[in-house]
PDB file of N, CA and C in Angstrom:
ATOM      1  N   MET A   1       0.837  -1.156   0.000  1.00  0.00           N
ATOM      2  CA  MET A   1       0.000   0.000   0.000  1.00  0.00           C
ATOM      3  C   MET A   1       0.893   1.233   0.000  1.00  0.00           C
ATOM      4  N   VAL A   2       0.516   2.195  -0.867  1.00  0.00           N
ATOM      5  CA  VAL A   2       1.234   3.461  -0.952  1.00  0.00           C
ATOM      6  C   VAL A   2       0.214   4.576  -0.772  1.00  0.00           C
ATOM      7  N   GLU A   3       0.477   5.464   0.170  1.00  0.00           N
ATOM      8  CA  GLU A   3      -0.448   6.563   0.423  1.00  0.00           C
ATOM      9  C   GLU A   3       0.113   7.866  -0.141  1.00  0.00           C
ATOM     10  N   PHE A   4      -0.698   8.526  -0.954  1.00  0.00           N
ATOM     11  CA  PHE A   4      -0.393   9.856  -1.468  1.00  0.00           C
ATOM     12  C   PHE A   4      -1.364  10.841  -0.837  1.00  0.00           C
ATOM     13  N   ASP A   5      -1.174  12.127  -1.079  1.00  0.00           N
ATOM     14  CA  ASP A   5      -2.065  13.139  -0.504  1.00  0.00           C
ATOM     15  C   ASP A   5      -3.515  12.910  -0.892  1.00  0.00           C
ATOM     16  N   ASP A   6      -3.759  12.495  -2.137  1.00  0.00           N
ATOM     17  CA  ASP A   6      -5.131  12.388  -2.637  1.00  0.00           C
ATOM     18  C   ASP A   6      -5.569  10.978  -3.003  1.00  0.00           C
ATOM     19  N   ALA A   7      -4.704   9.993  -2.831  1.00  0.00           N
ATOM     20  CA  ALA A   7      -5.052   8.639  -3.264  1.00  0.00           C
ATOM     21  C   ALA A   7      -4.257   7.587  -2.498  1.00  0.00           C
ATOM     22  N   ILE A   8      -4.805   6.387  -2.528  1.00  0.00           N
ATOM     23  CA  ILE A   8      -4.146   5.192  -1.997  1.00  0.00           C
ATOM     24  C   ILE A   8      -3.958   4.237  -3.176  1.00  0.00           C
ATOM     25  N   TRP A   9      -2.782   3.657  -3.272  1.00  0.00           N
ATOM     26  CA  TRP A   9      -2.531   2.613  -4.268  1.00  0.00           C
ATOM     27  C   TRP A   9      -2.231   1.312  -3.532  1.00  0.00           C
ATOM     28  N   LEU A  10      -2.993   0.294  -3.851  1.00  0.00           N
ATOM     29  CA  LEU A  10      -2.775  -1.044  -3.331  1.00  0.00           C
ATOM     30  C   LEU A  10      -2.092  -1.838  -4.440  1.00  0.00           C
ATOM     31  N   ILE A  11      -0.899  -2.318  -4.183  1.00  0.00           N
ATOM     32  CA  ILE A  11      -0.150  -3.083  -5.185  1.00  0.00           C
ATOM     33  C   ILE A  11       0.107  -4.465  -4.597  1.00  0.00           C
ATOM     34  N   ASP A  12      -0.466  -5.468  -5.242  1.00  0.00           N
ATOM     35  CA  ASP A  12      -0.365  -6.853  -4.778  1.00  0.00           C
ATOM     36  C   ASP A  12       0.647  -7.578  -5.663  1.00  0.00           C
ATOM     37  N   TYR A  13       1.697  -8.103  -5.057  1.00  0.00           N
ATOM     38  CA  TYR A  13       2.755  -8.790  -5.789  1.00  0.00           C
ATOM     39  C   TYR A  13       2.375 -10.255  -5.991  1.00  0.00           C
ATOM     40  N   LYS A  14       2.387 -10.692  -7.236  1.00  0.00           N
ATOM     41  CA  LYS A  14       2.059 -12.078  -7.578  1.00  0.00           C
ATOM     42  C   LYS A  14       3.304 -12.761  -8.114  1.00  0.00           C
ATOM     43  N   THR A  15       3.699 -13.865  -7.464  1.00  0.00           N
ATOM     44  CA  THR A  15       4.943 -14.531  -7.829  1.00  0.00           C
ATOM     45  C   THR A  15       4.749 -15.852  -8.548  1.00  0.00           C
ATOM     46  N   GLY A  16       3.516 -16.322  -8.661  1.00  0.00           N
ATOM     47  CA  GLY A  16       3.276 -17.631  -9.273  1.00  0.00           C
ATOM     48  C   GLY A  16       3.613 -17.662 -10.757  1.00  0.00           C
ATOM     49  N   ASP A  17       3.759 -18.873 -11.284  1.00  0.00           N
ATOM     50  CA  ASP A  17       4.063 -19.031 -12.702  1.00  0.00           C
ATOM     51  C   ASP A  17       3.035 -18.361 -13.590  1.00  0.00           C
ATOM     52  N   ASP A  18       1.748 -18.368 -13.170  1.00  0.00           N
ATOM     53  CA  ASP A  18       0.720 -17.753 -14.005  1.00  0.00           C
ATOM     54  C   ASP A  18       0.938 -16.254 -14.158  1.00  0.00           C
ATOM     55  N   SER A  19       1.614 -15.617 -13.186  1.00  0.00           N
ATOM     56  CA  SER A  19       1.846 -14.181 -13.291  1.00  0.00           C
ATOM     57  C   SER A  19       2.823 -13.865 -14.418  1.00  0.00           C
ATOM     58  N   ARG A  20       3.538 -14.859 -14.883  1.00  0.00           N
ATOM     59  CA  ARG A  20       4.507 -14.656 -15.970  1.00  0.00           C
ATOM     60  C   ARG A  20       3.957 -15.070 -17.327  1.00  0.00           C
ATOM     61  N   THR A  21       2.927 -15.890 -17.329  1.00  0.00           N
ATOM     62  CA  THR A  21       2.458 -16.434 -18.603  1.00  0.00           C
ATOM     63  C   THR A  21       1.122 -15.863 -19.063  1.00  0.00           C
ATOM     64  N   LEU A  22       0.344 -15.292 -18.162  1.00  0.00           N
ATOM     65  CA  LEU A  22      -0.972 -14.785 -18.534  1.00  0.00           C
ATOM     66  C   LEU A  22      -0.891 -13.350 -19.033  1.00  0.00           C
ATOM     67  N   SER A  23      -1.813 -12.988 -19.903  1.00  0.00           N
ATOM     68  CA  SER A  23      -1.894 -11.609 -20.375  1.00  0.00           C
ATOM     69  C   SER A  23      -2.335 -10.708 -19.224  1.00  0.00           C
ATOM     70  N   ASP A  24      -2.142  -9.408 -19.389  1.00  0.00           N
ATOM     71  CA  ASP A  24      -2.584  -8.453 -18.363  1.00  0.00           C
ATOM     72  C   ASP A  24      -4.066  -8.604 -18.088  1.00  0.00           C
ATOM     73  N   GLU A  25      -4.850  -8.765 -19.153  1.00  0.00           N
ATOM     74  CA  GLU A  25      -6.301  -8.870 -19.011  1.00  0.00           C
ATOM     75  C   GLU A  25      -6.698 -10.093 -18.201  1.00  0.00           C
ATOM     76  N   VAL A  26      -6.121 -11.239 -18.521  1.00  0.00           N
ATOM     77  CA  VAL A  26      -6.473 -12.482 -17.825  1.00  0.00           C
ATOM     78  C   VAL A  26      -5.972 -12.448 -16.381  1.00  0.00           C
ATOM     79  N   LEU A  27      -4.775 -11.954 -16.186  1.00  0.00           N
ATOM     80  CA  LEU A  27      -4.235 -11.862 -14.827  1.00  0.00           C
ATOM     81  C   LEU A  27      -5.098 -10.924 -13.981  1.00  0.00           C
ATOM     82  N   GLY A  28      -5.501  -9.808 -14.559  1.00  0.00           N
ATOM     83  CA  GLY A  28      -6.360  -8.862 -13.847  1.00  0.00           C
ATOM     84  C   GLY A  28      -7.692  -9.472 -13.471  1.00  0.00           C
ATOM     85  N   GLU A  29      -8.302 -10.172 -14.408  1.00  0.00           N
ATOM     86  CA  GLU A  29      -9.594 -10.804 -14.122  1.00  0.00           C
ATOM     87  C   GLU A  29      -9.463 -11.886 -13.057  1.00  0.00           C
ATOM     88  N   ARG A  30      -8.378 -12.607 -13.066  1.00  0.00           N
ATOM     89  CA  ARG A  30      -8.169 -13.679 -12.092  1.00  0.00           C
ATOM     90  C   ARG A  30      -8.124 -13.141 -10.658  1.00  0.00           C
ATOM     91  N   HIS A  31      -7.624 -11.931 -10.466  1.00  0.00           N
ATOM     92  CA  HIS A  31      -7.427 -11.392  -9.117  1.00  0.00           C
ATOM     93  C   HIS A  31      -8.313 -10.194  -8.796  1.00  0.00           C
ATOM     94  N   ARG A  32      -9.191  -9.820  -9.712  1.00  0.00           N
ATOM     95  CA  ARG A  32     -10.020  -8.621  -9.538  1.00  0.00           C
ATOM     96  C   ARG A  32     -10.897  -8.689  -8.283  1.00  0.00           C
ATOM     97  N   VAL A  33     -11.539  -9.820  -8.031  1.00  0.00           N
ATOM     98  CA  VAL A  33     -12.432  -9.932  -6.867  1.00  0.00           C
ATOM     99  C   VAL A  33     -11.640  -9.781  -5.571  1.00  0.00           C
ATOM    100  N   GLN A  34     -10.491 -10.419  -5.498  1.00  0.00           N
ATOM    101  CA  GLN A  34      -9.647 -10.326  -4.302  1.00  0.00           C
ATOM    102  C   GLN A  34      -9.265  -8.869  -4.028  1.00  0.00           C
ATOM    103  N   LEU A  35      -8.784  -8.176  -5.045  1.00  0.00           N
ATOM    104  CA  LEU A  35      -8.350  -6.806  -4.843  1.00  0.00           C
ATOM    105  C   LEU A  35      -9.522  -5.852  -4.617  1.00  0.00           C
ATOM    106  N   ALA A  36     -10.682  -6.151  -5.166  1.00  0.00           N
ATOM    107  CA  ALA A  36     -11.867  -5.324  -4.912  1.00  0.00           C
ATOM    108  C   ALA A  36     -12.224  -5.356  -3.427  1.00  0.00           C
ATOM    109  N   GLY A  37     -12.051  -6.496  -2.800  1.00  0.00           N
ATOM    110  CA  GLY A  37     -12.290  -6.594  -1.359  1.00  0.00           C
ATOM    111  C   GLY A  37     -11.322  -5.735  -0.570  1.00  0.00           C
ATOM    112  N   TYR A  38     -10.060  -5.773  -0.961  1.00  0.00           N
ATOM    113  CA  TYR A  38      -9.061  -4.928  -0.306  1.00  0.00           C
ATOM    114  C   TYR A  38      -9.379  -3.447  -0.521  1.00  0.00           C
ATOM    115  N   GLN A  39      -9.788  -3.100  -1.740  1.00  0.00           N
ATOM    116  CA  GLN A  39     -10.131  -1.706  -2.037  1.00  0.00           C
ATOM    117  C   GLN A  39     -11.286  -1.232  -1.160  1.00  0.00           C
ATOM    118  N   ALA A  40     -12.293  -2.071  -0.998  1.00  0.00           N
ATOM    119  CA  ALA A  40     -13.447  -1.693  -0.176  1.00  0.00           C
ATOM    120  C   ALA A  40     -13.009  -1.449   1.269  1.00  0.00           C
ATOM    121  N   LEU A  41     -12.162  -2.295   1.789  1.00  0.00           N
ATOM    122  CA  LEU A  41     -11.655  -2.120   3.141  1.00  0.00           C
ATOM    123  C   LEU A  41     -10.883  -0.805   3.273  1.00  0.00           C
ATOM    124  N   LEU A  42      -9.987  -0.548   2.325  1.00  0.00           N
ATOM    125  CA  LEU A  42      -9.187   0.673   2.387  1.00  0.00           C
ATOM    126  C   LEU A  42     -10.035   1.922   2.192  1.00  0.00           C
ATOM    127  N   ALA A  43     -11.078   1.834   1.366  1.00  0.00           N
ATOM    128  CA  ALA A  43     -11.965   2.984   1.164  1.00  0.00           C
ATOM    129  C   ALA A  43     -12.626   3.380   2.485  1.00  0.00           C
ATOM    130  N   GLY A  44     -12.937   2.403   3.312  1.00  0.00           N
ATOM    131  CA  GLY A  44     -13.510   2.701   4.620  1.00  0.00           C
ATOM    132  C   GLY A  44     -12.512   3.312   5.585  1.00  0.00           C
ATOM    133  N   LEU A  45     -11.254   2.941   5.440  1.00  0.00           N
ATOM    134  CA  LEU A  45     -10.212   3.462   6.323  1.00  0.00           C
ATOM    135  C   LEU A  45      -9.695   4.829   5.884  1.00  0.00           C
ATOM    136  N   TYR A  46      -9.822   5.133   4.587  1.00  0.00           N
ATOM    137  CA  TYR A  46      -9.319   6.384   4.029  1.00  0.00           C
ATOM    138  C   TYR A  46     -10.426   7.106   3.264  1.00  0.00           C
ATOM    139  N   PRO A  47     -11.469   7.550   3.951  1.00  0.00           N
ATOM    140  CA  PRO A  47     -12.564   8.229   3.260  1.00  0.00           C
ATOM    141  C   PRO A  47     -12.056   9.513   2.585  1.00  0.00           C
ATOM    142  N   GLY A  48     -12.578   9.768   1.409  1.00  0.00           N
ATOM    143  CA  GLY A  48     -12.184  10.971   0.682  1.00  0.00           C
ATOM    144  C   GLY A  48     -10.986  10.791  -0.215  1.00  0.00           C
ATOM    145  N   LYS A  49     -10.344   9.612  -0.165  1.00  0.00           N
ATOM    146  CA  LYS A  49      -9.209   9.342  -1.050  1.00  0.00           C
ATOM    147  C   LYS A  49      -9.607   8.267  -2.055  1.00  0.00           C
ATOM    148  N   ALA A  50      -9.201   8.458  -3.284  1.00  0.00           N
ATOM    149  CA  ALA A  50      -9.404   7.421  -4.299  1.00  0.00           C
ATOM    150  C   ALA A  50      -8.519   6.227  -3.944  1.00  0.00           C
ATOM    151  N   VAL A  51      -9.045   5.021  -4.111  1.00  0.00           N
ATOM    152  CA  VAL A  51      -8.277   3.810  -3.830  1.00  0.00           C
ATOM    153  C   VAL A  51      -8.111   3.040  -5.141  1.00  0.00           C
ATOM    154  N   HIS A  52      -6.873   2.908  -5.588  1.00  0.00           N
ATOM    155  CA  HIS A  52      -6.545   2.223  -6.832  1.00  0.00           C
ATOM    156  C   HIS A  52      -5.903   0.879  -6.512  1.00  0.00           C
ATOM    157  N   ALA A  53      -6.017  -0.067  -7.439  1.00  0.00           N
ATOM    158  CA  ALA A  53      -5.407  -1.378  -7.240  1.00  0.00           C
ATOM    159  C   ALA A  53      -4.611  -1.777  -8.471  1.00  0.00           C
ATOM    160  N   ALA A  54      -3.494  -2.445  -8.227  1.00  0.00           N
ATOM    161  CA  ALA A  54      -2.649  -2.929  -9.310  1.00  0.00           C
ATOM    162  C   ALA A  54      -1.987  -4.227  -8.873  1.00  0.00           C
ATOM    163  N   LEU A  55      -1.553  -4.977  -9.862  1.00  0.00           N
ATOM    164  CA  LEU A  55      -0.800  -6.202  -9.617  1.00  0.00           C
ATOM    165  C   LEU A  55       0.629  -6.005 -10.096  1.00  0.00           C
ATOM    166  N   ALA A  56       1.587  -6.398  -9.294  1.00  0.00           N
ATOM    167  CA  ALA A  56       2.980  -6.452  -9.712  1.00  0.00           C
ATOM    168  C   ALA A  56       3.263  -7.918 -10.024  1.00  0.00           C
ATOM    169  N   ALA A  57       3.520  -8.203 -11.289  1.00  0.00           N
ATOM    170  CA  ALA A  57       3.719  -9.584 -11.729  1.00  0.00           C
ATOM    171  C   ALA A  57       5.175 -10.009 -11.537  1.00  0.00           C
ATOM    172  N   GLY A  58       5.376 -11.310 -11.510  1.00  0.00           N
ATOM    173  CA  GLY A  58       6.708 -11.860 -11.301  1.00  0.00           C
ATOM    174  C   GLY A  58       7.707 -11.487 -12.375  1.00  0.00           C
ATOM    175  N   ASP A  59       7.204 -11.091 -13.555  1.00  0.00           N
ATOM    176  CA  ASP A  59       8.104 -10.708 -14.645  1.00  0.00           C
ATOM    177  C   ASP A  59       8.354  -9.205 -14.706  1.00  0.00           C
ATOM    178  N   GLY A  60       7.877  -8.478 -13.692  1.00  0.00           N
ATOM    179  CA  GLY A  60       8.129  -7.047 -13.620  1.00  0.00           C
ATOM    180  C   GLY A  60       7.016  -6.160 -14.141  1.00  0.00           C
ATOM    181  N   ARG A  61       5.989  -6.731 -14.730  1.00  0.00           N
ATOM    182  CA  ARG A  61       4.858  -5.928 -15.221  1.00  0.00           C
ATOM    183  C   ARG A  61       4.061  -5.377 -14.055  1.00  0.00           C
ATOM    184  N   LEU A  62       3.493  -4.193 -14.261  1.00  0.00           N
ATOM    185  CA  LEU A  62       2.541  -3.605 -13.323  1.00  0.00           C
ATOM    186  C   LEU A  62       1.214  -3.530 -14.054  1.00  0.00           C
ATOM    187  N   VAL A  63       0.227  -4.269 -13.557  1.00  0.00           N
ATOM    188  CA  VAL A  63      -1.089  -4.340 -14.188  1.00  0.00           C
ATOM    189  C   VAL A  63      -2.057  -3.490 -13.381  1.00  0.00           C
ATOM    190  N   ASP A  64      -2.395  -2.324 -13.920  1.00  0.00           N
ATOM    191  CA  ASP A  64      -3.339  -1.408 -13.279  1.00  0.00           C
ATOM    192  C   ASP A  64      -4.737  -1.953 -13.536  1.00  0.00           C
ATOM    193  N   LEU A  65      -5.448  -2.368 -12.495  1.00  0.00           N
ATOM    194  CA  LEU A  65      -6.745  -2.987 -12.680  1.00  0.00           C
ATOM    195  C   LEU A  65      -7.819  -2.014 -13.157  1.00  0.00           C
ATOM    196  N   SER A  66      -7.532  -0.729 -13.115  1.00  0.00           N
ATOM    197  CA  SER A  66      -8.502   0.223 -13.658  1.00  0.00           C
ATOM    198  C   SER A  66      -8.409   0.332 -15.168  1.00  0.00           C
ATOM    199  N   THR A  67      -7.388  -0.252 -15.759  1.00  0.00           N
ATOM    200  CA  THR A  67      -7.214  -0.151 -17.212  1.00  0.00           C
ATOM    201  C   THR A  67      -7.378  -1.475 -17.941  1.00  0.00           C
ATOM    202  N   VAL A  68      -7.580  -2.573 -17.224  1.00  0.00           N
ATOM    203  CA  VAL A  68      -7.775  -3.875 -17.891  1.00  0.00           C
ATOM    204  C   VAL A  68      -9.189  -4.379 -17.683  1.00  0.00           C
TER     205      VAL A  68
END
């Protein structure tokens, strides 16, 4: 989790083999429900701040779930 003045970014690191072989779209869909739960929790803890979620894949990609 990274906190900025106006937003929170939740970045979940995925190390499994699938994080290296799946497309951004498929990887995002696979973990979207999990991260949505985290976002809801953080939204309650940080009212008034946008809460974004992303995946850091084992191959170095950053998958912004708001764009996939």
